């Protein structure tokens, strides 16, 4: 049965306490570890570097990665990181804060809509289902754009559905359209929230159930378009004015790239992350656990509601299908592309969860998942700890983990032990609690244990500290073949010669820079970028991080043929290889 609304939307004191307890748990689980690590590759250091440039330069419209313009993404997320730094004064907090707030906002919205559409318990189940999903928690604990985009798309859908299903509510409708525009200036796909109009118009045309009557005229509906355009214009208009006023060819190329190549061209002719058409099926089956288990039981119920012409299910469900289909067509796919669909799948599952937890098969599957996690974590941890897994040994070397590798294996054993204990303690009858305890332990351990344990090697913090020690307090450092984390975590102001620029040109300019003051200048360089210009016997090994070996050299290490910055173009690998993460 579907839980229905028992009268008004007002919550009882007990319901309010339950909601705030849920939000407190979410804050602890998702916020665990904030302040204990630096940005980790691939994307986090890039965005943090852009945000730091905003703070230092005061330029918040046109984004930079070091000395070059950065046109891959709109500036909204990085601007929020920069604003978080202005408030906190700590980059370790600031770079993760927007993702945390966006995740908490998403949980609130999906709870509140479930409460309004059905009741408090359904809303709470919807929030719990989202929070415990592996993909949502993992992405919410990373400093990427996708949690923020998910929040804006969820807010857009929330506003539209408040109007379409619970309205008329013109204010919610306008807010929803405005939020879709904010999603666009965060990441162009924010516009996809407006696909909700398609199932709504179909349901209206076919006179489906649970649709309110509207009295507003055409101008009220057009207000949504104006709200959407107003949000987009917050960035587009001043950015275009700035570009046009600069008269710079570099700025003009930035405008062309960010408005066209990084949006339509990226969709129609993807140049990375190629995956088969069925890729998202695997994401749903494994990435959306344990929610996936509930889908086995609710799919027939959804079919019943669609046959009953229930618009409450048609609108969000059709939107989810449209989103998955939209991202399935291009060859380039990433698991995070369908993250905005997850909260609405959880919402449509929530009305049936009270019934599902009473079913023996559902409890058995949750118990089996807890037991499987225990076996996987214990097996991997014990095996790696004892050197029985060659790939684990290789990982320690590739990532430069050193003694931290042992701590990582202990973490796996600890999570496995918690899962095993939960399976034994809560057994099948209370397996819902067992899987919840296991998931909470995993993410708490990930934040409070793994963050500080792996930070030095994963973030390149240790490598850059070592570089500073080699150069000495008065030494100058230039970067060649660098990655964003090197520039971000340097212990002093460094010199760089561009990120996308081919490595031979970077090295040539660096050599000329060094020759201007050879006594006090060092070049920090990727090992693959040295040959044939640098004598490795005269270079100092800095360290290994992010699967890369880093070295430093002074002017006496430069081969005679390369002095004066004479570096052959074929000296190092191609620019595509140079910039691959």
Protein backbone atom coordinates (compact mmCIF):
# COMPACT_ATOMS: atom_id res chain seq x y z
CA UNK A 1 0.00 0.00 0.00
CA UNK A 2 0.99 3.62 -0.53
CA UNK A 3 1.24 5.86 2.50
CA UNK A 4 -1.21 8.75 2.05
CA UNK A 5 -1.24 12.23 3.56
CA UNK A 6 -3.06 12.18 6.91
CA UNK A 7 -4.48 15.68 6.74
CA UNK A 8 -2.45 18.93 7.03
CA UNK A 9 1.29 19.16 6.45
CA UNK A 10 2.06 20.43 9.97
CA UNK A 11 4.52 18.20 11.81
CA UNK A 12 4.24 17.04 15.40
CA UNK A 13 7.05 17.79 17.88
CA UNK A 14 8.14 14.16 17.62
CA UNK A 15 8.32 14.37 13.83
CA UNK A 16 10.43 17.51 14.06
CA UNK A 17 12.82 15.78 16.44
CA UNK A 18 13.10 12.80 14.11
CA UNK A 19 13.84 15.06 11.18
CA UNK A 20 16.55 17.04 12.96
CA UNK A 21 18.08 13.83 14.31
CA UNK A 22 18.24 12.54 10.76
CA UNK A 23 19.91 15.76 9.56
CA UNK A 24 22.39 15.57 12.45
CA UNK A 25 23.33 12.02 11.47
CA UNK A 26 23.70 13.13 7.85
CA UNK A 27 25.92 16.03 8.91
CA UNK A 28 28.18 13.74 10.94
CA UNK A 29 28.44 11.05 8.26
CA UNK A 30 28.93 13.38 5.29
CA UNK A 31 31.01 15.95 7.16
CA UNK A 32 33.36 13.44 8.77
CA UNK A 33 36.95 14.37 8.01
CA UNK A 34 36.46 17.91 6.73
CA UNK A 35 39.61 19.83 7.61
CA UNK A 36 41.76 16.68 7.75
CA UNK A 37 42.93 16.56 4.14
CA UNK A 38 43.92 18.66 1.16
CA UNK A 39 42.30 18.40 -2.29
CA UNK A 40 42.90 15.05 -3.97
CA UNK A 41 43.25 14.47 -7.74
CA UNK A 42 41.90 14.41 -10.30
CA UNK A 43 39.38 17.27 -10.11
CA UNK A 44 39.62 18.60 -6.57
CA UNK A 45 43.00 20.39 -6.85
CA UNK A 46 41.93 21.97 -10.14
CA UNK A 47 38.78 23.51 -8.70
CA UNK A 48 40.53 24.60 -5.50
CA UNK A 49 43.30 26.21 -7.55
CA UNK A 50 40.73 28.13 -9.59
CA UNK A 51 38.96 29.21 -6.39
CA UNK A 52 42.22 30.38 -4.82
CA UNK A 53 42.94 32.48 -7.88
CA UNK A 54 39.51 34.10 -7.46
CA UNK A 55 40.36 35.06 -3.89
CA UNK A 56 43.85 36.30 -4.70
CA UNK A 57 43.04 38.18 -7.90
CA UNK A 58 39.50 39.38 -7.21
CA UNK A 59 38.47 38.06 -10.66
CA UNK A 60 35.40 35.87 -10.17
CA UNK A 61 33.93 35.87 -13.70
CA UNK A 62 36.78 34.59 -15.86
CA UNK A 63 38.43 31.57 -14.26
CA UNK A 64 42.15 30.76 -14.32
CA UNK A 65 44.28 27.68 -13.74
CA UNK A 66 47.59 29.21 -12.83
CA UNK A 67 48.56 31.69 -15.53
CA UNK A 68 46.16 30.21 -18.12
CA UNK A 69 42.43 30.69 -18.56
CA UNK A 70 40.31 27.73 -17.48
CA UNK A 71 37.26 27.24 -19.66
CA UNK A 72 36.23 23.66 -18.89
CA UNK A 73 33.52 24.56 -16.35
CA UNK A 74 31.38 27.57 -15.36
CA UNK A 75 32.57 29.33 -12.20
CA UNK A 76 29.67 28.76 -9.79
CA UNK A 77 31.19 25.88 -7.81
CA UNK A 78 34.63 27.47 -7.60
CA UNK A 79 33.05 30.76 -6.57
CA UNK A 80 31.28 28.96 -3.73
CA UNK A 81 34.60 27.46 -2.64
CA UNK A 82 36.15 30.92 -2.72
CA UNK A 83 33.25 32.33 -0.70
CA UNK A 84 33.62 29.47 1.79
CA UNK A 85 37.27 30.42 2.21
CA UNK A 86 36.29 34.04 2.83
CA UNK A 87 34.05 32.79 5.63
CA UNK A 88 36.26 30.07 7.11
CA UNK A 89 39.79 31.27 6.34
CA UNK A 90 40.84 27.64 5.87
CA UNK A 91 41.16 25.97 2.46
CA UNK A 92 40.93 22.47 3.93
CA UNK A 93 37.43 23.36 5.08
CA UNK A 94 36.46 25.67 2.24
CA UNK A 95 37.07 23.30 -0.67
CA UNK A 96 34.71 20.63 0.72
CA UNK A 97 32.07 22.86 2.29
CA UNK A 98 29.96 23.50 -0.86
CA UNK A 99 29.57 19.75 -1.48
CA UNK A 100 28.53 19.15 2.13
CA UNK A 101 25.97 21.96 2.12
CA UNK A 102 24.62 20.87 -1.27
CA UNK A 103 24.21 17.28 -0.04
CA UNK A 104 22.39 18.39 3.11
CA UNK A 105 20.18 20.66 1.00
CA UNK A 106 19.32 17.77 -1.32
CA UNK A 107 18.35 15.59 1.65
CA UNK A 108 16.15 18.33 3.07
CA UNK A 109 14.37 18.90 -0.25
CA UNK A 110 13.65 15.25 -0.90
CA UNK A 111 12.43 14.78 2.67
CA UNK A 112 10.21 17.86 2.51
CA UNK A 113 8.64 16.90 -0.78
CA UNK A 114 7.95 13.38 0.44
CA UNK A 115 6.37 14.85 3.57
CA UNK A 116 4.15 17.16 1.57
CA UNK A 117 3.24 14.60 -1.09
CA UNK A 118 2.61 11.76 1.37
CA UNK A 119 3.63 12.19 5.02
CA UNK A 120 6.53 12.65 7.41
CA UNK A 121 7.45 8.99 7.49
CA UNK A 122 7.65 8.72 3.71
CA UNK A 123 9.79 11.86 3.60
CA UNK A 124 12.11 10.43 6.25
CA UNK A 125 12.40 7.13 4.40
CA UNK A 126 13.24 9.02 1.21
CA UNK A 127 16.03 10.93 2.98
CA UNK A 128 17.43 7.77 4.57
CA UNK A 129 17.35 5.96 1.22
CA UNK A 130 19.37 8.74 -0.41
CA UNK A 131 21.87 9.11 2.44
CA UNK A 132 22.69 5.40 2.63
CA UNK A 133 23.25 5.02 -1.11
CA UNK A 134 26.94 4.46 -1.84
CA UNK A 135 27.15 6.87 -4.77
CA UNK A 136 25.48 9.77 -2.98
CA UNK A 137 27.64 9.57 0.15
CA UNK A 138 30.84 9.07 -1.85
CA UNK A 139 30.22 12.04 -4.12
CA UNK A 140 29.05 14.24 -1.25
CA UNK A 141 32.41 13.75 0.46
CA UNK A 142 34.32 14.95 -2.60
CA UNK A 143 34.91 18.48 -3.87
CA UNK A 144 33.40 18.07 -7.30
CA UNK A 145 30.68 20.01 -9.08
CA UNK A 146 28.17 17.17 -9.21
CA UNK A 147 26.76 17.42 -5.64
CA UNK A 148 26.08 21.11 -6.25
CA UNK A 149 24.44 20.41 -9.62
CA UNK A 150 22.39 17.65 -8.01
CA UNK A 151 21.17 20.14 -5.40
CA UNK A 152 20.17 22.76 -7.97
CA UNK A 153 18.41 20.17 -10.16
CA UNK A 154 16.66 18.73 -7.10
CA UNK A 155 15.58 22.24 -6.07
CA UNK A 156 14.33 22.87 -9.60
CA UNK A 157 12.33 19.64 -9.62
CA UNK A 158 11.10 20.34 -6.11
CA UNK A 159 9.72 23.72 -7.19
CA UNK A 160 8.19 22.39 -10.39
CA UNK A 161 6.56 19.42 -8.68
CA UNK A 162 5.29 21.57 -5.80
CA UNK A 163 3.46 23.47 -8.53
CA UNK A 164 2.52 20.61 -10.87
CA UNK A 165 1.37 18.13 -8.19
CA UNK A 166 0.65 20.11 -5.02
CA UNK A 167 -0.17 23.52 -6.46
CA UNK A 168 -1.00 25.88 -7.69
CA UNK A 169 2.16 27.34 -6.18
CA UNK A 170 3.55 29.94 -8.56
CA UNK A 171 6.32 31.02 -6.22
CA UNK A 172 7.63 27.45 -6.01
CA UNK A 173 7.40 27.22 -9.80
CA UNK A 174 9.44 30.38 -10.34
CA UNK A 175 12.01 29.29 -7.75
CA UNK A 176 12.29 25.94 -9.51
CA UNK A 177 12.96 27.58 -12.86
CA UNK A 178 15.48 29.93 -11.28
CA UNK A 179 17.26 26.94 -9.69
CA UNK A 180 17.49 25.27 -13.11
CA UNK A 181 19.29 28.38 -14.33
CA UNK A 182 21.70 28.21 -11.39
CA UNK A 183 22.33 24.60 -12.39
CA UNK A 184 23.29 25.80 -15.86
CA UNK A 185 25.95 28.19 -14.55
CA UNK A 186 27.25 25.41 -12.31
CA UNK A 187 27.37 22.81 -15.06
CA UNK A 188 25.40 23.13 -18.27
CA UNK A 189 23.23 20.07 -17.59
CA UNK A 190 21.20 22.02 -15.05
CA UNK A 191 18.76 22.79 -17.86
CA UNK A 192 17.71 19.13 -17.84
CA UNK A 193 15.50 19.82 -14.83
CA UNK A 194 13.10 21.50 -17.25
CA UNK A 195 12.47 18.14 -18.94
CA UNK A 196 9.90 17.72 -16.17
CA UNK A 197 7.56 19.74 -18.38
CA UNK A 198 7.30 16.84 -20.86
CA UNK A 199 5.61 14.26 -18.60
CA UNK A 200 3.56 17.04 -17.00
CA UNK A 201 2.15 18.20 -20.35
CA UNK A 202 1.45 14.59 -21.29
CA UNK A 203 -0.38 13.93 -18.00
CA UNK A 204 -2.35 17.15 -18.38
CA UNK A 205 -3.31 16.24 -21.93
CA UNK A 206 -4.40 12.73 -20.93
CA UNK A 207 -6.18 13.98 -17.76
CA UNK A 208 -4.21 11.87 -15.27
CA UNK A 209 -5.08 11.71 -11.59
CA UNK A 210 -3.63 13.93 -8.83
CA UNK A 211 -3.13 17.04 -10.96
CA UNK A 212 -4.39 20.35 -9.53
CA UNK A 213 -6.30 22.95 -11.54
CA UNK A 214 -4.54 26.22 -12.35
CA UNK A 215 -5.96 29.70 -12.52
CA UNK A 216 -2.83 31.63 -13.57
CA UNK A 217 -2.56 33.02 -17.06
CA UNK A 218 0.15 32.80 -19.69
CA UNK A 219 2.24 35.53 -18.05
CA UNK A 220 2.54 33.50 -14.84
CA UNK A 221 3.85 30.55 -16.85
CA UNK A 222 6.25 32.78 -18.80
CA UNK A 223 7.56 34.03 -15.49
CA UNK A 224 9.33 30.68 -15.18
CA UNK A 225 11.24 31.32 -18.41
CA UNK A 226 12.21 34.76 -17.17
CA UNK A 227 13.37 33.31 -13.84
CA UNK A 228 15.48 30.71 -15.66
CA UNK A 229 17.07 33.30 -17.95
CA UNK A 230 17.67 35.67 -15.05
CA UNK A 231 19.67 33.01 -13.20
CA UNK A 232 21.75 32.19 -16.29
CA UNK A 233 22.31 35.91 -16.92
CA UNK A 234 23.86 36.35 -13.48
CA UNK A 235 27.08 34.98 -14.95
CA UNK A 236 26.67 34.98 -18.73
CA UNK A 237 25.94 38.69 -19.15
CA UNK A 238 28.80 40.17 -17.08
CA UNK A 239 31.17 37.49 -18.44
CA UNK A 240 30.33 38.34 -22.08
CA UNK A 241 30.62 42.06 -21.35
CA UNK A 242 34.03 41.50 -19.79
CA UNK A 243 35.24 39.37 -22.71
CA UNK A 244 33.99 41.83 -25.33
CA UNK A 245 35.45 44.77 -23.45
CA UNK A 246 38.87 43.16 -23.13
CA UNK A 247 39.46 42.88 -26.87
CA UNK A 248 41.66 39.87 -26.08
CA UNK A 249 41.86 36.92 -28.46
CA UNK A 250 42.57 34.68 -25.47
CA UNK A 251 39.36 35.83 -23.75
CA UNK A 252 37.40 35.38 -26.98
CA UNK A 253 38.67 31.79 -27.22
CA UNK A 254 37.61 31.26 -23.60
CA UNK A 255 34.09 32.46 -24.42
CA UNK A 256 33.83 30.20 -27.48
CA UNK A 257 35.11 27.17 -25.60
CA UNK A 258 32.98 27.45 -22.47
CA UNK A 259 29.72 28.28 -24.27
CA UNK A 260 29.94 25.83 -27.15
CA UNK A 261 32.77 23.27 -27.08
CA UNK A 262 32.31 22.32 -23.43
CA UNK A 263 28.52 21.95 -23.81
CA UNK A 264 27.00 20.91 -27.13
CA UNK A 265 30.27 19.70 -28.66
CA UNK A 266 31.14 17.68 -25.56
CA UNK A 267 27.75 15.97 -25.74
CA UNK A 268 27.64 15.26 -29.48
CA UNK A 269 31.32 14.36 -29.87
CA UNK A 270 32.63 13.18 -26.50
CA UNK A 271 36.41 13.06 -26.28
CA UNK A 272 36.82 11.19 -23.00
CA UNK A 273 35.23 8.65 -20.61
CA UNK A 274 33.95 6.43 -23.43
CA UNK A 275 31.54 3.77 -22.19
CA UNK A 276 28.97 1.41 -23.75
CA UNK A 277 25.28 2.35 -24.00
CA UNK A 278 24.34 0.12 -21.03
CA UNK A 279 26.96 1.65 -18.73
CA UNK A 280 24.45 3.29 -16.38
CA UNK A 281 22.75 -0.03 -15.69
CA UNK A 282 25.87 -1.08 -13.79
CA UNK A 283 25.92 2.24 -11.94
CA UNK A 284 22.33 1.70 -10.79
CA UNK A 285 22.84 -1.93 -9.80
CA UNK A 286 26.03 -1.40 -7.79
CA UNK A 287 26.45 2.33 -7.17
CA UNK A 288 22.92 2.75 -5.87
CA UNK A 289 23.14 -0.04 -3.30
CA UNK A 290 21.40 -0.67 -0.95
CA UNK A 291 18.54 1.21 -2.64
CA UNK A 292 18.87 -1.16 -5.60
CA UNK A 293 17.57 -4.00 -3.45
CA UNK A 294 14.36 -2.08 -2.80
CA UNK A 295 13.89 -1.50 -6.52
CA UNK A 296 13.31 -5.22 -6.95
CA UNK A 297 10.17 -4.89 -4.86
CA UNK A 298 8.91 -1.51 -6.02
CA UNK A 299 9.16 -1.88 -9.80
CA UNK A 300 5.85 -3.83 -9.98
CA UNK A 301 4.26 -1.20 -7.71
CA UNK A 302 5.37 1.58 -10.03
CA UNK A 303 3.82 -0.21 -12.94
CA UNK A 304 0.54 -0.41 -10.99
CA UNK A 305 0.60 3.33 -10.27
CA UNK A 306 1.33 4.18 -13.90
CA UNK A 307 -1.56 1.96 -15.02
CA UNK A 308 -3.72 3.77 -12.47
CA UNK A 309 -2.75 7.05 -14.20
CA UNK A 310 -1.18 8.44 -11.02
CA UNK A 311 0.70 11.61 -11.99
CA UNK A 312 2.59 11.59 -8.68
CA UNK A 313 4.59 8.68 -10.05
CA UNK A 314 4.55 9.48 -13.75
CA UNK A 315 6.22 12.89 -13.52
CA UNK A 316 9.36 12.06 -11.47
CA UNK A 317 9.66 8.55 -12.91
CA UNK A 318 9.43 9.73 -16.52
CA UNK A 319 11.96 12.46 -15.75
CA UNK A 320 14.39 9.87 -14.35
CA UNK A 321 14.03 7.77 -17.50
CA UNK A 322 14.61 10.82 -19.70
CA UNK A 323 17.77 11.71 -17.80
CA UNK A 324 19.22 8.21 -18.09
CA UNK A 325 18.38 8.04 -21.79
CA UNK A 326 19.82 11.51 -22.42
CA UNK A 327 23.21 10.54 -21.00
CA UNK A 328 23.19 7.07 -22.57
CA UNK A 329 23.36 8.35 -26.15
CA UNK A 330 26.81 10.04 -26.21
CA UNK A 331 29.86 7.80 -25.99
CA UNK A 332 31.31 9.76 -23.08
CA UNK A 333 29.75 8.72 -19.76
CA UNK A 334 30.57 9.05 -16.07
CA UNK A 335 28.70 7.57 -13.15
CA UNK A 336 27.99 11.02 -11.69
CA UNK A 337 25.96 12.08 -14.72
CA UNK A 338 22.85 10.32 -13.38
CA UNK A 339 23.37 11.32 -9.75
CA UNK A 340 20.53 13.93 -9.97
CA UNK A 341 18.10 11.09 -10.73
CA UNK A 342 18.93 9.24 -7.51
CA UNK A 343 16.92 11.39 -5.03
CA UNK A 344 13.75 10.99 -7.09
CA UNK A 345 14.15 7.24 -7.40
CA UNK A 346 14.51 7.16 -3.61
CA UNK A 347 11.40 9.32 -3.23
CA UNK A 348 9.30 7.01 -5.39
CA UNK A 349 10.58 4.03 -3.40
CA UNK A 350 9.89 5.56 0.00
CA UNK A 351 6.07 5.05 0.11
CA UNK A 352 6.64 1.29 -0.02
CA UNK A 353 9.58 0.91 2.37
CA UNK A 354 7.48 0.38 5.48
CA UNK A 355 5.93 -2.59 3.73
CA UNK A 356 9.22 -3.85 2.28
CA UNK A 357 11.03 -4.01 5.63
CA UNK A 358 8.33 -6.44 6.80
CA UNK A 359 9.12 -8.78 3.90
CA UNK A 360 11.43 -11.67 4.68
CA UNK A 361 13.09 -11.64 1.25
CA UNK A 362 13.99 -7.94 1.61
CA UNK A 363 15.51 -8.42 5.05
CA UNK A 364 17.44 -11.44 3.82
CA UNK A 365 18.92 -9.47 0.92
CA UNK A 366 20.00 -6.66 3.23
CA UNK A 367 21.56 -9.24 5.55
CA UNK A 368 23.32 -10.82 2.57
CA UNK A 369 24.68 -7.42 1.52
CA UNK A 370 26.03 -6.81 5.04
CA UNK A 371 27.62 -10.27 5.10
CA UNK A 372 29.09 -9.74 1.63
CA UNK A 373 30.64 -6.44 2.70
CA UNK A 374 32.12 -8.20 5.73
CA UNK A 375 33.68 -10.88 3.53
CA UNK A 376 34.99 -8.44 0.93
CA UNK A 377 36.51 -5.98 3.40
CA UNK A 378 37.95 -8.66 5.67
CA UNK A 379 39.29 -10.70 2.78
CA UNK A 380 40.85 -7.71 1.01
CA UNK A 381 42.25 -6.23 4.21
CA UNK A 382 43.76 -9.42 5.62
CA UNK A 383 45.08 -10.49 2.22
CA UNK A 384 46.71 -7.14 1.49
CA UNK A 385 48.07 -6.83 5.04
CA UNK A 386 49.85 -10.16 4.64
CA UNK A 387 51.17 -9.42 1.14
CA UNK A 388 48.96 -12.05 -0.49
CA UNK A 389 47.41 -9.67 -3.06
CA UNK A 390 49.97 -8.55 -5.67
CA UNK A 391 47.76 -5.71 -6.89
CA UNK A 392 47.66 -4.27 -3.38
CA UNK A 393 51.46 -4.32 -3.23
CA UNK A 394 51.60 -2.55 -6.60
CA UNK A 395 49.14 0.06 -5.34
CA UNK A 396 51.40 0.92 -2.41
CA UNK A 397 54.29 1.51 -4.82
CA UNK A 398 52.28 3.36 -7.48
CA UNK A 399 50.70 5.73 -4.99
CA UNK A 400 53.77 6.16 -2.81
CA UNK A 401 51.81 5.07 0.25
CA UNK A 402 54.73 3.67 2.24
CA UNK A 403 53.71 2.82 5.80
CA UNK A 404 50.26 4.32 5.17
CA UNK A 405 49.50 1.21 3.14
CA UNK A 406 49.41 -0.83 6.32
CA UNK A 407 46.97 1.63 7.86
CA UNK A 408 44.76 1.30 4.78
CA UNK A 409 44.62 -2.49 5.14
CA UNK A 410 43.80 -2.14 8.84
CA UNK A 411 40.94 0.18 7.89
CA UNK A 412 39.54 -2.46 5.54
CA UNK A 413 39.76 -5.08 8.27
CA UNK A 414 38.06 -2.75 10.75
CA UNK A 415 35.14 -2.02 8.40
CA UNK A 416 34.83 -5.72 7.65
CA UNK A 417 34.77 -6.46 11.38
CA UNK A 418 32.00 -3.90 11.94
CA UNK A 419 30.01 -5.45 9.09
CA UNK A 420 30.49 -8.95 10.49
CA UNK A 421 29.54 -7.81 13.99
CA UNK A 422 26.43 -6.06 12.61
CA UNK A 423 25.39 -9.18 10.72
CA UNK A 424 25.73 -11.30 13.87
CA UNK A 425 24.16 -8.78 16.25
CA UNK A 426 21.20 -7.61 14.17
CA UNK A 427 20.79 -10.79 12.11
CA UNK A 428 18.05 -10.99 9.50
CA UNK A 429 15.23 -9.61 11.61
CA UNK A 430 16.89 -6.19 12.03
CA UNK A 431 19.12 -6.23 8.98
CA UNK A 432 17.97 -2.68 8.09
CA UNK A 433 19.85 -1.45 11.17
CA UNK A 434 22.79 -3.75 10.42
CA UNK A 435 23.43 -2.35 6.97
CA UNK A 436 22.95 1.19 8.28
CA UNK A 437 25.58 0.70 10.99
CA UNK A 438 27.98 -0.81 8.45
CA UNK A 439 27.60 2.05 5.99
CA UNK A 440 27.96 4.67 8.72
CA UNK A 441 31.12 3.01 10.04
CA UNK A 442 32.60 2.90 6.55
CA UNK A 443 32.10 6.61 5.86
CA UNK A 444 33.10 7.72 9.37
CA UNK A 445 36.28 5.68 9.08
CA UNK A 446 36.89 7.03 5.59
CA UNK A 447 36.72 10.60 6.86
CA UNK A 448 38.44 10.39 10.24
CA UNK A 449 40.95 7.62 9.47
CA UNK A 450 41.71 7.49 5.75
CA UNK A 451 41.74 11.25 5.07
CA UNK A 452 44.74 12.02 7.32
CA UNK A 453 46.37 8.66 6.62
CA UNK A 454 46.54 9.02 2.83
CA UNK A 455 46.67 12.80 2.52
CA UNK A 456 50.43 13.20 2.13
CA UNK A 457 50.74 10.76 -0.76
CA UNK A 458 47.39 11.32 -2.44
CA UNK A 459 47.41 15.11 -2.35
CA UNK A 460 51.14 15.58 -3.13
CA UNK A 461 51.47 17.54 0.13
CA UNK A 462 54.51 15.52 1.14
CA UNK A 463 56.18 15.94 -2.26
CA UNK A 464 55.75 19.70 -2.20
CA UNK A 465 57.05 19.94 1.37
CA UNK A 466 60.11 18.00 0.27
CA UNK A 467 60.53 20.32 -2.72
CA UNK A 468 60.57 23.28 -0.35
CA UNK A 469 63.20 21.61 1.82
CA UNK A 470 65.44 20.93 -1.18
CA UNK A 471 65.18 24.49 -2.47
CA UNK A 472 65.80 25.95 0.97
CA UNK A 473 64.15 28.94 2.54
CA UNK A 474 65.48 31.40 -0.05
CA UNK A 475 65.31 29.18 -3.13
CA UNK A 476 63.04 29.86 -6.08
CA UNK A 477 61.08 27.05 -7.73
CA UNK A 478 59.62 26.69 -11.23
CA UNK A 479 57.27 23.89 -12.31
CA UNK A 480 57.48 21.82 -15.51
CA UNK A 481 55.03 19.06 -16.43
CA UNK A 482 53.12 19.98 -13.31
CA UNK A 483 49.70 18.98 -12.08
CA UNK A 484 47.28 21.25 -10.26
CA UNK A 485 48.09 19.78 -6.86
CA UNK A 486 51.75 20.80 -7.24
CA UNK A 487 50.94 24.46 -7.78
CA UNK A 488 48.19 24.42 -5.15
CA UNK A 489 50.29 22.89 -2.37
CA UNK A 490 53.63 24.57 -2.99
CA UNK A 491 55.00 26.14 0.18
CA UNK A 492 55.88 29.39 -1.61
CA UNK A 493 55.06 31.43 -4.68
CA UNK A 494 56.36 29.45 -7.65
CA UNK A 495 56.86 30.14 -11.34
CA UNK A 496 55.02 28.15 -14.01
CA UNK A 497 54.91 28.46 -17.77
CA UNK A 498 51.42 27.21 -18.52
CA UNK A 499 49.53 23.98 -17.95
CA UNK A 500 48.34 23.04 -21.42
CA UNK A 501 51.49 24.29 -23.10
CA UNK A 502 53.56 21.40 -24.57
CA UNK A 503 56.23 20.20 -22.18
CA UNK A 504 59.18 20.97 -24.47
CA UNK A 505 58.15 24.63 -24.46
CA UNK A 506 57.65 24.59 -20.69
CA UNK A 507 61.10 23.12 -20.20
CA UNK A 508 62.72 25.56 -22.63
CA UNK A 509 61.24 28.56 -20.84
CA UNK A 510 62.15 27.10 -17.46
CA UNK A 511 65.78 26.63 -18.47
CA UNK A 512 66.01 30.23 -19.65
CA UNK A 513 64.37 31.37 -16.40
CA UNK A 514 66.86 29.35 -14.37
CA UNK A 515 69.85 30.69 -16.27
CA UNK A 516 68.95 34.23 -15.24
CA UNK A 517 69.86 33.38 -11.63
CA UNK A 518 71.37 29.87 -11.54
CA UNK A 519 72.57 30.00 -7.95
CA UNK A 520 69.16 30.15 -6.30
CA UNK A 521 66.71 28.69 -8.83
CA UNK A 522 65.42 25.12 -8.94
CA UNK A 523 63.17 23.42 -11.48
CA UNK A 524 60.61 20.94 -10.16
CA UNK A 525 59.83 18.49 -12.96
CA UNK A 526 58.06 15.26 -13.82
CA UNK A 527 60.60 12.54 -14.57
CA UNK A 528 59.14 11.88 -18.03
CA UNK A 529 59.65 15.51 -19.00
CA UNK A 530 63.46 15.53 -18.49
CA UNK A 531 64.95 13.45 -21.30
CA UNK A 532 67.15 14.17 -23.17
CA UNK A 533 67.87 17.59 -21.68
CA UNK A 534 68.51 16.83 -18.01
CA UNK A 535 71.25 14.64 -16.55
CA UNK A 536 69.39 12.38 -14.06
CA UNK A 537 72.58 11.84 -12.09
CA UNK A 538 72.61 15.53 -11.18
CA UNK A 539 68.89 15.75 -10.36
CA UNK A 540 67.46 15.32 -6.88
CA UNK A 541 64.60 12.86 -6.38
CA UNK A 542 61.77 14.66 -4.59
CA UNK A 543 59.33 11.78 -4.21
CA UNK A 544 56.56 9.67 -5.67
CA UNK A 545 52.91 10.71 -5.60
CA UNK A 546 49.82 10.19 -7.74
CA UNK A 547 51.59 7.50 -9.79
CA UNK A 548 54.30 9.97 -10.79
CA UNK A 549 57.97 10.49 -9.99
CA UNK A 550 59.07 14.07 -9.31
CA UNK A 551 62.59 15.49 -9.38
CA UNK A 552 64.37 18.84 -9.00
CA UNK A 553 67.51 20.11 -10.62
CA UNK A 554 69.75 23.15 -10.74
CA UNK A 555 71.37 24.68 -13.79
CA UNK A 556 74.37 22.31 -13.75
CA UNK A 557 72.07 19.37 -14.60
CA UNK A 558 71.10 20.81 -18.00
CA UNK A 559 72.82 19.08 -20.90
CA UNK A 560 75.01 21.35 -23.07
CA UNK A 561 72.77 20.85 -26.12
CA UNK A 562 69.72 22.21 -24.24
CA UNK A 563 71.31 25.23 -22.61
CA UNK A 564 69.77 28.53 -23.55
CA UNK A 565 66.40 26.79 -23.72
CA UNK A 566 67.11 24.81 -26.88
CA UNK A 567 64.71 21.92 -26.30
CA UNK A 568 63.65 19.72 -29.25
CA UNK A 569 59.89 19.30 -29.70
CA UNK A 570 60.22 15.52 -29.68
CA UNK A 571 62.06 15.56 -26.36
CA UNK A 572 59.01 14.59 -24.35
CA UNK A 573 55.66 12.99 -24.90
CA UNK A 574 52.75 14.65 -26.72
CA UNK A 575 50.62 17.36 -25.15
CA UNK A 576 47.62 14.99 -24.85
CA UNK A 577 49.72 12.56 -22.84
CA UNK A 578 51.16 15.41 -20.83
CA UNK A 579 47.78 16.56 -19.60
CA UNK A 580 46.22 13.14 -19.01
CA UNK A 581 45.46 12.41 -15.36
